[in-house]
Each structure stands twice: as C-alpha cells, then as structure tokens.
Amino acid sequence: HILIDGNSAAALGCVYAGATVGAWYPITPSTSLMDAFQGYCDLFRKDPETGENLFCIIQAEDELAAAGMVLGANWAGARAFTPTSGPGISLMSEFIGFAYYAEIPAVFFDVQRVGPSTGMPTRTQQCDLATCAHASHGDTRHPMLLPANPAECFEMAVQAFDLAERLQTPVFFLSDLDIGMNDWMIPELNWDDDYQPDRGKVLGVEELERIEKFYRYMDTDGDGIPHRTYPGTHHKGAYFVRGSGHNKYGGYTEDENEYQEVVDRLLVKWNTARDRVPAPVMTPGRKPSKLGIIAFGSSDGAVIEAMDRLADDGIHADYLRLRAFPFPDAVGEFIAAHETIFVVEQNRDGQMRSLLIEETNANPARLVPLLHYNGMPIPSDAIVDGISARLGEEVAA
C-alpha cells in the first residue's frame, strides 16, 4: 500500500496519459494537482539526451485564459488540461460551451470545495454537479468522471483524456477537497506498460489523400462523432473552428435545418458516451432487499460502513456507486429493481438526484435525498441515522 492524496495521483495519471500541456490559475484546493504534475514531468517528461522539457506548464492570468489555452493546445493536437475548483468552472463556462459546440477535446479537473461564491475554500462538498453537467449557455451536456479515492484519481485521469478525444468534447473530472488534498492509504498504483493513448477519429495524411473531401462535422458511422484533423497535416484537412452556427460541412449557417442537424447529432454523441464511460459498481447487501443506496465519490467509505451497521440492525440495502455521467443503462436498471433508493450526496439541493430523475425518468418519490453539506467529510452516522429515521417514519405511518 501507499499513502497519497488524490491531486498527486491524478497528476501522475495525467503524465502517463500523455498530457503535454497544463494551463491553470491557482485556486484552493486544486493548485497542488498542477504542482504535482510539474514534479512528475520533471522526473518523467524530459528528453533523456538533451534534458529539454517535453511538456509545457502555464500559469495564466485568470481561469478564462487557462481554459482558452487548453482548448488551443487540444485543437493543435496536444493533450491538455486545467485543474480548478467551482469558481473557476463558473468563469470558464463560455469556453466550455465553445469546446462543446466546436467539438474540441479538453479535460477539466474540478476539485470541489464548499460553495456558493467563495464559500469555504478549505472545506469539502460535492456541489458542482449541476454546473459541470450543463456548463455554458444553451443546450449542453458534458461527461463527468467521479473517482472515489486517489487510486481511481490515477486511473480515471487516463480515462478522462481518452474519453475527451474519443468523444471530441470537454470531460469533467470531479473529485473534492477530501480526496484531493487529504492523504489516503490505497493499494500500490499499477501501470499498464502496453497502454497507448486513444486519440479517437483523427485523419492523417494517408487518410486525407484517399478521400475526395473532408467535412469536419459530418457523422459517417452513426455514433454522432465526426472525424477531425490536426492543423497543418494536409491541405484537405483544413476547416474553420466555429463557435457560431455551422453546418455538418463546417461552413457558417443560420439555416434552421442545418443548425438543428448539428445539435441533434451532438445528442447522438451523448448517447454513445453512455457505453464508453466507467460503469457503476454494485455492492449487494447481506440479504436480498428492495432498499437501495446510490452514492458516488468520497461518500463511498461512509456508505460501506453504514451498510454494515444497518445490516447488524436488520436493515439490508444494495449499493450502487456511480462512477460517471451520463449514466449507463445499469443505473436505470438498479432504480427499477428497488422500491426505495436513498441518494447520498454532499450538497444541499440533491444535485445528483436531480440528474438521475432527468436522465433516467425515475419516479422522484422513489429517490429519497440523503444530504450532508456542512463542509466536513460525510460520516457513516449521517447515513445510518438518515435511513433509520426515514424507515421509522414509514413504519409509524
């Protein structure tokens, strides 16, 4: 086993994933992610013969600039990311919408802290779900990865870059202060030396020479994901990068049918993402039960402990730990298989519960919010007491 915090583990995953550009503006509790990334790059990302850096780290003048640098680097063919927290995501939202519509890969590491506004920068919450899921104006939906510990921060950092390039879209990596800055004891990290970055649908010189014409936003195989090119590859691969209305050929348009065709295809891409994000983890109760628990991220340890304590009192529940948004089909199946599902999350307004209702069409009455949002990590007592009180009310009724 090793002792490590989530920001350091995620930074190491960025190095192994092939990230070459990091741009950021310092903000608690995410700054240590970039500090760790620079340290690992100094160890692993230098030319062994010349000693030259094979990476670029830029402290931008603000979060908007950091997001713009990341998009430019990804468009040019690099793997680039930015670490931030909730206030930074708010400031980056216009660039995030641009990346979604222009279909530029990018990875945003959001180490969540207490909000709203400045909130409590040194306390933890899971309060940026609604912001990240639909960041920017207009109709947008963004994949989110939800690690539960530093080991998953390491693994999912790699997955985040692969997903961003496969889907050609922003991907949000949501940890929190508890995972990001506190030391955790986890199994030793293992790396697959055979790993190769998945750059997605990128046309090179040979492919471009074989085709008659390249159309940037045309879906040729029905998964909603078009082909892209890196700038300077071949004259056939040139195209305009537009945040304004464009058609499937890459040209400017204000035609209603051409516009709708593109945004409808983006929804097809969203549905494709369901099968490509990490699957949820199912932990059955000691005995079969119609009672379910759904949680994610740093709530995991408290839920596991609470399940054991509840089982000792004769209350059994199955547990589904979410690891990504959009939700794979298994999430809807779990909800359908249980009469009452407690949704455990660390925010006031039940943001994950709202996303579950929105995306699975679940009956809201069956999804019971179990919320903890005072800034301290959730204890098992909050879960045990919340479930026991609710079941006691039902018995009394």
Protein backbone atom coordinates (compact mmCIF):
# COMPACT_ATOMS: atom_id res chain seq x y z
CA HIS A 1 0.00 0.00 0.00
CA ILE A 2 0.98 3.64 -0.42
CA LEU A 3 -0.04 6.92 1.19
CA ILE A 4 -1.03 9.54 -1.39
CA ASP A 5 -3.53 12.33 -1.96
CA GLY A 6 -5.91 12.47 -4.91
CA ASN A 7 -4.34 15.52 -6.54
CA SER A 8 -0.93 13.83 -6.70
CA ALA A 9 -2.46 10.61 -8.00
CA ALA A 10 -4.42 12.47 -10.69
CA ALA A 11 -1.30 14.40 -11.69
CA LEU A 12 0.62 11.16 -12.15
CA GLY A 13 -2.25 9.83 -14.26
CA CYS A 14 -2.01 12.94 -16.44
CA VAL A 15 1.67 12.26 -17.07
CA TYR A 16 1.06 8.64 -18.00
CA ALA A 17 -1.92 9.59 -20.18
CA GLY A 18 0.39 11.66 -22.35
CA ALA A 19 -0.71 15.13 -21.26
CA THR A 20 1.85 17.64 -22.51
CA VAL A 21 0.20 20.97 -21.71
CA GLY A 22 -1.24 22.17 -18.42
CA ALA A 23 -2.65 25.68 -18.01
CA TRP A 24 -4.21 26.93 -14.81
CA TYR A 25 -4.83 29.75 -12.43
CA PRO A 26 -4.09 28.93 -8.76
CA ILE A 27 -7.14 28.11 -6.65
CA THR A 28 -7.70 26.07 -3.50
CA PRO A 29 -7.95 23.07 -3.40
CA SER A 30 -6.66 22.23 -6.89
CA THR A 31 -3.30 24.02 -7.06
CA SER A 32 -1.40 21.03 -5.70
CA LEU A 33 -2.53 18.99 -8.71
CA MET A 34 -0.53 21.23 -11.02
CA ASP A 35 2.37 21.37 -8.57
CA ALA A 36 2.47 17.57 -8.56
CA PHE A 37 2.16 17.43 -12.35
CA GLN A 38 5.21 19.65 -12.73
CA GLY A 39 7.15 17.48 -10.30
CA TYR A 40 6.28 14.29 -12.18
CA CYS A 41 7.04 15.93 -15.52
CA ASP A 42 10.49 16.90 -14.24
CA LEU A 43 11.04 13.22 -13.50
CA PHE A 44 9.43 11.54 -16.49
CA ARG A 45 8.89 14.04 -19.31
CA LYS A 46 12.35 15.31 -20.22
CA ASP A 47 14.38 14.39 -23.29
CA PRO A 48 16.95 11.91 -21.94
CA GLU A 49 19.66 13.17 -24.30
CA THR A 50 19.16 16.94 -24.28
CA GLY A 51 17.39 17.41 -20.96
CA GLU A 52 14.80 19.60 -22.68
CA ASN A 53 11.26 19.66 -21.32
CA LEU A 54 8.70 17.59 -23.23
CA PHE A 55 5.87 19.43 -21.53
CA CYS A 56 4.54 22.96 -21.08
CA ILE A 57 3.05 24.37 -17.89
CA ILE A 58 1.49 27.83 -18.00
CA GLN A 59 0.13 29.89 -15.12
CA ALA A 60 -2.48 32.01 -16.84
CA GLU A 61 -3.67 35.44 -15.77
CA ASP A 62 -7.10 34.03 -14.88
CA GLU A 63 -9.29 30.97 -15.34
CA LEU A 64 -10.72 32.21 -18.63
CA ALA A 65 -7.26 32.43 -20.15
CA ALA A 66 -6.35 29.00 -18.79
CA ALA A 67 -9.39 27.45 -20.47
CA GLY A 68 -8.59 29.19 -23.76
CA MET A 69 -5.00 27.92 -23.69
CA VAL A 70 -6.20 24.39 -23.05
CA LEU A 71 -8.62 24.50 -25.99
CA GLY A 72 -5.95 25.89 -28.30
CA ALA A 73 -3.49 23.19 -27.30
CA ASN A 74 -6.03 20.40 -27.75
CA TRP A 75 -7.11 21.77 -31.14
CA ALA A 76 -3.44 21.75 -32.20
CA GLY A 77 -3.13 18.06 -31.27
CA ALA A 78 -1.72 18.13 -27.75
CA ARG A 79 -3.32 16.56 -24.71
CA ALA A 80 -4.05 19.49 -22.41
CA PHE A 81 -5.93 20.05 -19.17
CA THR A 82 -6.63 22.54 -16.43
CA PRO A 83 -7.18 21.95 -12.70
CA THR A 84 -9.60 24.25 -10.91
CA SER A 85 -12.48 24.41 -8.45
CA GLY A 86 -16.08 25.56 -8.64
CA PRO A 87 -15.45 29.31 -9.02
CA GLY A 88 -13.03 28.57 -11.86
CA ILE A 89 -15.57 26.40 -13.69
CA SER A 90 -18.05 29.28 -13.45
CA LEU A 91 -15.57 31.62 -15.12
CA MET A 92 -14.64 29.09 -17.80
CA SER A 93 -18.20 28.35 -18.86
CA GLU A 94 -18.17 30.33 -22.13
CA PHE A 95 -15.05 28.50 -23.35
CA ILE A 96 -16.59 25.21 -22.22
CA GLY A 97 -19.63 25.85 -24.42
CA PHE A 98 -17.34 26.74 -27.30
CA ALA A 99 -15.45 23.44 -26.89
CA TYR A 100 -18.72 21.50 -26.77
CA TYR A 101 -20.09 23.08 -29.94
CA ALA A 102 -16.82 23.24 -31.88
CA GLU A 103 -16.07 19.68 -30.63
CA ILE A 104 -12.63 20.25 -29.16
CA PRO A 105 -11.39 17.70 -26.60
CA ALA A 106 -10.42 19.10 -23.19
CA VAL A 107 -10.13 17.82 -19.63
CA PHE A 108 -11.21 19.91 -16.64
CA PHE A 109 -10.18 18.71 -13.19
CA ASP A 110 -12.65 20.17 -10.68
CA VAL A 111 -11.50 19.59 -7.10
CA GLN A 112 -14.75 20.63 -5.45
CA ARG A 113 -14.96 22.85 -2.39
CA VAL A 114 -17.80 24.47 -0.47
CA GLY A 115 -19.89 26.99 -2.38
CA PRO A 116 -21.63 29.13 -3.44
CA SER A 117 -19.40 32.06 -4.37
CA THR A 118 -16.10 31.90 -2.48
CA GLY A 119 -17.76 29.64 0.08
CA MET A 120 -15.28 27.84 2.31
CA PRO A 121 -12.18 27.08 0.23
CA THR A 122 -10.72 24.70 2.83
CA ARG A 123 -13.84 22.56 3.28
CA THR A 124 -15.31 19.84 1.09
CA GLN A 125 -18.57 19.30 -0.80
CA GLN A 126 -19.95 17.60 -3.91
CA CYS A 127 -21.69 20.73 -5.12
CA ASP A 128 -20.57 21.30 -8.73
CA LEU A 129 -22.55 18.50 -10.39
CA ALA A 130 -25.26 20.69 -11.88
CA THR A 131 -22.71 23.27 -13.01
CA CYS A 132 -20.43 20.80 -14.75
CA ALA A 133 -23.17 18.65 -16.28
CA HIS A 134 -24.58 21.61 -18.21
CA ALA A 135 -21.77 24.17 -18.13
CA SER A 136 -22.31 27.11 -20.51
CA HIS A 137 -25.47 28.56 -22.01
CA GLY A 138 -27.68 26.77 -24.50
CA ASP A 139 -28.27 23.02 -24.63
CA THR A 140 -25.09 21.38 -23.38
CA ARG A 141 -24.32 18.08 -21.68
CA HIS A 142 -20.87 17.09 -20.53
CA PRO A 143 -19.42 13.75 -19.37
CA MET A 144 -18.27 13.66 -15.76
CA LEU A 145 -15.99 11.11 -14.08
CA LEU A 146 -16.47 10.54 -10.34
CA PRO A 147 -13.47 8.96 -8.58
CA ALA A 148 -13.93 7.68 -5.03
CA ASN A 149 -10.29 7.66 -3.87
CA PRO A 150 -6.76 8.53 -5.06
CA ALA A 151 -6.37 5.16 -6.80
CA GLU A 152 -9.32 5.99 -9.03
CA CYS A 153 -7.96 9.51 -9.50
CA PHE A 154 -4.87 7.91 -11.03
CA GLU A 155 -6.85 5.53 -13.25
CA MET A 156 -9.63 7.89 -14.26
CA ALA A 157 -7.25 10.69 -15.17
CA VAL A 158 -6.08 8.48 -18.00
CA GLN A 159 -9.64 7.59 -18.95
CA ALA A 160 -10.60 11.27 -18.99
CA PHE A 161 -8.08 12.08 -21.73
CA ASP A 162 -9.07 9.06 -23.80
CA LEU A 163 -12.76 9.91 -23.47
CA ALA A 164 -12.25 13.55 -24.36
CA GLU A 165 -10.52 12.59 -27.60
CA ARG A 166 -12.84 9.72 -28.48
CA LEU A 167 -15.88 11.93 -27.97
CA GLN A 168 -14.25 15.23 -29.06
CA THR A 169 -15.79 17.07 -26.14
CA PRO A 170 -14.96 18.54 -22.73
CA VAL A 171 -14.73 15.94 -19.97
CA PHE A 172 -15.04 16.87 -16.30
CA PHE A 173 -13.12 15.02 -13.61
CA LEU A 174 -14.89 15.70 -10.30
CA SER A 175 -13.05 14.91 -7.11
CA ASP A 176 -13.28 17.06 -3.98
CA LEU A 177 -11.11 18.53 -1.27
CA ASP A 178 -11.36 15.38 0.86
CA ILE A 179 -9.97 13.20 -1.94
CA GLY A 180 -7.73 15.82 -3.48
CA MET A 181 -5.80 17.16 -0.51
CA ASN A 182 -6.02 14.53 2.24
CA ASP A 183 -3.68 11.55 2.37
CA TRP A 184 -5.33 8.18 1.75
CA MET A 185 -4.00 4.66 2.17
CA ILE A 186 -4.58 2.81 -1.12
CA PRO A 187 -3.16 -0.24 -2.91
CA GLU A 188 0.07 0.48 -4.76
CA LEU A 189 -0.60 2.05 -8.15
CA ASN A 190 -0.03 -0.22 -11.12
CA TRP A 191 0.58 0.95 -14.67
CA ASP A 192 -0.02 -0.97 -17.89
CA ASP A 193 3.16 -0.55 -19.94
CA ASP A 194 1.25 -1.56 -23.08
CA TYR A 195 -1.11 1.42 -22.81
CA GLN A 196 -1.43 3.58 -25.91
CA PRO A 197 -3.41 6.84 -25.86
CA ASP A 198 -6.69 6.61 -27.76
CA ARG A 199 -6.68 9.72 -29.95
CA GLY A 200 -10.08 8.95 -31.43
CA LYS A 201 -11.12 9.68 -35.01
CA VAL A 202 -8.15 11.63 -36.33
CA LEU A 203 -7.39 11.62 -40.06
CA GLY A 204 -3.74 11.63 -41.05
CA VAL A 205 -2.06 12.39 -44.35
CA GLU A 206 -2.79 9.00 -45.93
CA GLU A 207 -6.46 9.03 -44.97
CA LEU A 208 -6.93 12.57 -46.23
CA GLU A 209 -5.30 11.78 -49.55
CA ARG A 210 -7.65 8.84 -50.07
CA ILE A 211 -10.88 10.78 -49.55
CA GLU A 212 -12.36 13.22 -52.04
CA LYS A 213 -13.25 15.89 -49.48
CA PHE A 214 -13.11 16.32 -45.71
CA TYR A 215 -16.17 17.60 -43.85
CA ARG A 216 -15.39 18.37 -40.22
CA TYR A 217 -18.83 17.89 -38.67
CA MET A 218 -20.22 15.02 -40.71
CA ASP A 219 -21.04 11.77 -38.92
CA THR A 220 -20.20 8.87 -41.23
CA ASP A 221 -20.92 5.87 -39.00
CA GLY A 222 -23.91 6.82 -36.84
CA ASP A 223 -22.25 7.23 -33.43
CA GLY A 224 -22.51 11.02 -33.51
CA ILE A 225 -18.74 11.51 -33.58
CA PRO A 226 -17.22 13.06 -36.72
CA HIS A 227 -13.62 12.83 -37.86
CA ARG A 228 -11.16 15.60 -37.09
CA THR A 229 -7.70 16.66 -38.24
CA TYR A 230 -4.70 18.32 -36.67
CA PRO A 231 -3.77 21.71 -38.15
CA GLY A 232 -1.03 21.58 -40.76
CA THR A 233 -1.48 17.88 -41.53
CA HIS A 234 -2.72 18.28 -45.11
CA HIS A 235 -4.47 21.00 -47.11
CA LYS A 236 -7.55 18.77 -47.44
CA GLY A 237 -7.92 18.72 -43.67
CA ALA A 238 -8.30 22.49 -43.21
CA TYR A 239 -11.52 23.75 -41.67
CA PHE A 240 -12.95 26.70 -39.73
CA VAL A 241 -13.31 26.25 -35.96
CA ARG A 242 -16.61 27.90 -35.18
CA GLY A 243 -18.46 28.74 -32.02
CA SER A 244 -21.15 30.31 -34.18
CA GLY A 245 -23.78 28.42 -36.17
CA HIS A 246 -22.28 25.87 -38.54
CA ASN A 247 -23.48 23.02 -40.68
CA LYS A 248 -22.12 19.50 -40.99
CA TYR A 249 -19.71 20.62 -43.69
CA GLY A 250 -18.07 23.15 -41.36
CA GLY A 251 -19.49 26.23 -43.02
CA TYR A 252 -21.27 29.12 -41.30
CA THR A 253 -25.03 28.89 -41.29
CA GLU A 254 -28.15 30.47 -39.86
CA ASP A 255 -30.37 27.95 -41.63
CA GLU A 256 -32.70 26.37 -39.09
CA ASN A 257 -32.49 22.86 -40.52
CA GLU A 258 -28.71 22.83 -40.84
CA TYR A 259 -28.29 24.14 -37.30
CA GLN A 260 -30.69 21.59 -35.82
CA GLU A 261 -28.99 18.75 -37.70
CA VAL A 262 -25.71 19.52 -35.90
CA VAL A 263 -27.12 19.86 -32.38
CA ASP A 264 -29.23 16.72 -32.86
CA ARG A 265 -26.06 14.84 -33.80
CA LEU A 266 -24.42 16.08 -30.59
CA LEU A 267 -27.24 14.34 -28.71
CA VAL A 268 -26.45 11.11 -30.59
CA LYS A 269 -22.86 11.51 -29.41
CA TRP A 270 -24.13 11.94 -25.84
CA ASN A 271 -25.96 8.62 -26.04
CA THR A 272 -22.83 6.98 -27.45
CA ALA A 273 -20.96 8.19 -24.38
CA ARG A 274 -23.17 6.09 -22.09
CA ASP A 275 -21.41 2.93 -23.18
CA ARG A 276 -17.91 4.42 -23.02
CA VAL A 277 -17.78 5.94 -19.55
CA PRO A 278 -16.78 3.85 -16.49
CA ALA A 279 -19.54 1.52 -15.33
CA PRO A 280 -21.07 1.83 -11.85
CA VAL A 281 -20.00 -0.54 -9.06
CA MET A 282 -22.70 -2.73 -7.49
CA THR A 283 -22.32 -3.92 -3.89
CA PRO A 284 -25.17 -6.23 -2.82
CA GLY A 285 -26.50 -6.22 0.72
CA ARG A 286 -26.12 -9.21 3.02
CA LYS A 287 -29.66 -10.26 2.15
CA PRO A 288 -31.90 -9.53 -0.86
CA SER A 289 -33.62 -6.18 -0.44
CA LYS A 290 -35.89 -3.72 -2.21
CA LEU A 291 -33.95 -0.96 -0.49
CA GLY A 292 -31.16 0.68 -2.46
CA ILE A 293 -28.43 3.26 -1.89
CA ILE A 294 -26.86 5.35 -4.65
CA ALA A 295 -23.74 7.40 -3.90
CA PHE A 296 -20.53 8.50 -5.56
CA GLY A 297 -17.08 9.91 -4.94
CA SER A 298 -15.78 10.40 -1.41
CA SER A 299 -19.08 9.23 0.14
CA ASP A 300 -18.13 5.64 -0.70
CA GLY A 301 -16.32 4.70 2.51
CA ALA A 302 -19.07 6.08 4.73
CA VAL A 303 -21.72 4.18 2.73
CA ILE A 304 -19.85 0.86 3.03
CA GLU A 305 -19.51 1.34 6.79
CA ALA A 306 -23.15 2.38 7.11
CA MET A 307 -24.30 -0.73 5.21
CA ASP A 308 -22.57 -2.96 7.76
CA ARG A 309 -24.02 -1.05 10.71
CA LEU A 310 -27.51 -1.12 9.24
CA ALA A 311 -27.25 -4.84 8.44
CA ASP A 312 -26.34 -5.53 12.08
CA ASP A 313 -29.68 -3.89 12.93
CA GLY A 314 -31.55 -5.97 10.35
CA ILE A 315 -31.76 -3.28 7.66
CA HIS A 316 -30.33 -4.54 4.37
CA ALA A 317 -29.70 -2.50 1.26
CA ASP A 318 -27.96 -2.86 -2.09
CA TYR A 319 -25.48 -0.15 -3.03
CA LEU A 320 -24.72 1.27 -6.46
CA ARG A 321 -21.70 3.57 -6.66
CA LEU A 322 -21.86 5.90 -9.64
CA ARG A 323 -18.58 6.49 -11.43
CA ALA A 324 -19.66 8.59 -14.39
CA PHE A 325 -22.26 10.74 -16.08
CA PRO A 326 -24.02 10.08 -18.47
CA PHE A 327 -25.43 7.11 -16.64
CA PRO A 328 -25.01 3.68 -18.22
CA ASP A 329 -28.14 1.54 -18.53
CA ALA A 330 -27.25 -0.32 -15.32
CA VAL A 331 -28.21 2.76 -13.30
CA GLY A 332 -31.79 2.81 -14.56
CA GLU A 333 -31.99 -0.95 -14.05
CA PHE A 334 -30.88 -0.59 -10.42
CA ILE A 335 -33.50 2.07 -9.77
CA ALA A 336 -36.22 -0.06 -11.38
CA ALA A 337 -35.25 -3.05 -9.21
CA HIS A 338 -35.66 -1.23 -5.89
CA GLU A 339 -38.72 0.33 -4.30
CA THR A 340 -36.88 2.97 -2.28
CA ILE A 341 -33.45 4.36 -3.17
CA PHE A 342 -31.53 6.69 -0.88
CA VAL A 343 -29.36 9.09 -2.89
CA VAL A 344 -26.40 10.06 -0.73
CA GLU A 345 -24.58 13.24 -1.68
CA GLN A 346 -22.69 16.12 -0.14
CA ASN A 347 -24.68 19.16 -1.22
CA ARG A 348 -27.84 20.92 -0.07
CA ASP A 349 -30.06 20.62 -3.13
CA GLY A 350 -29.72 16.97 -4.14
CA GLN A 351 -27.98 17.71 -7.43
CA MET A 352 -27.24 14.07 -8.27
CA ARG A 353 -30.83 13.10 -7.51
CA SER A 354 -31.98 15.76 -9.99
CA LEU A 355 -29.66 14.38 -12.67
CA LEU A 356 -30.94 10.84 -12.03
CA ILE A 357 -34.53 11.98 -12.44
CA GLU A 358 -33.67 13.98 -15.56
CA GLU A 359 -31.67 11.23 -17.27
CA THR A 360 -33.49 8.03 -16.23
CA ASN A 361 -37.09 9.31 -15.93
CA ALA A 362 -37.21 7.73 -12.47
CA ASN A 363 -40.19 8.37 -10.22
CA PRO A 364 -39.00 11.17 -7.92
CA ALA A 365 -40.95 9.70 -4.99
CA ARG A 366 -38.70 6.62 -5.03
CA LEU A 367 -35.46 8.61 -4.86
CA VAL A 368 -35.03 9.80 -1.29
CA PRO A 369 -32.37 12.52 -0.78
CA LEU A 370 -29.86 11.88 2.00
CA LEU A 371 -27.79 15.03 2.20
CA HIS A 372 -24.72 16.19 4.14
CA TYR A 373 -23.29 19.60 3.30
CA ASN A 374 -21.64 21.28 6.31
CA GLY A 375 -18.20 21.14 4.72
CA MET A 376 -16.84 18.19 6.68
CA PRO A 377 -16.47 14.73 5.07
CA ILE A 378 -19.66 12.72 5.39
CA PRO A 379 -19.65 10.28 8.36
CA SER A 380 -21.45 6.94 8.41
CA ASP A 381 -23.63 8.29 11.23
CA ALA A 382 -25.32 10.66 8.78
CA ILE A 383 -26.29 7.76 6.55
CA VAL A 384 -27.32 5.35 9.32
CA ASP A 385 -29.39 7.98 11.11
CA GLY A 386 -30.96 9.25 7.90
CA ILE A 387 -32.05 5.83 6.65
CA SER A 388 -33.20 4.66 10.10
CA ALA A 389 -35.25 7.81 10.62
CA ARG A 390 -36.94 7.53 7.21
CA LEU A 391 -37.79 3.85 7.70
CA GLY A 392 -39.04 4.60 11.20
CA GLU A 393 -41.38 7.24 9.80
CA GLU A 394 -42.74 4.75 7.27
CA VAL A 395 -43.34 2.14 9.97
CA ALA A 396 -45.08 4.70 12.15
CA ALA A 397 -47.27 5.78 9.25
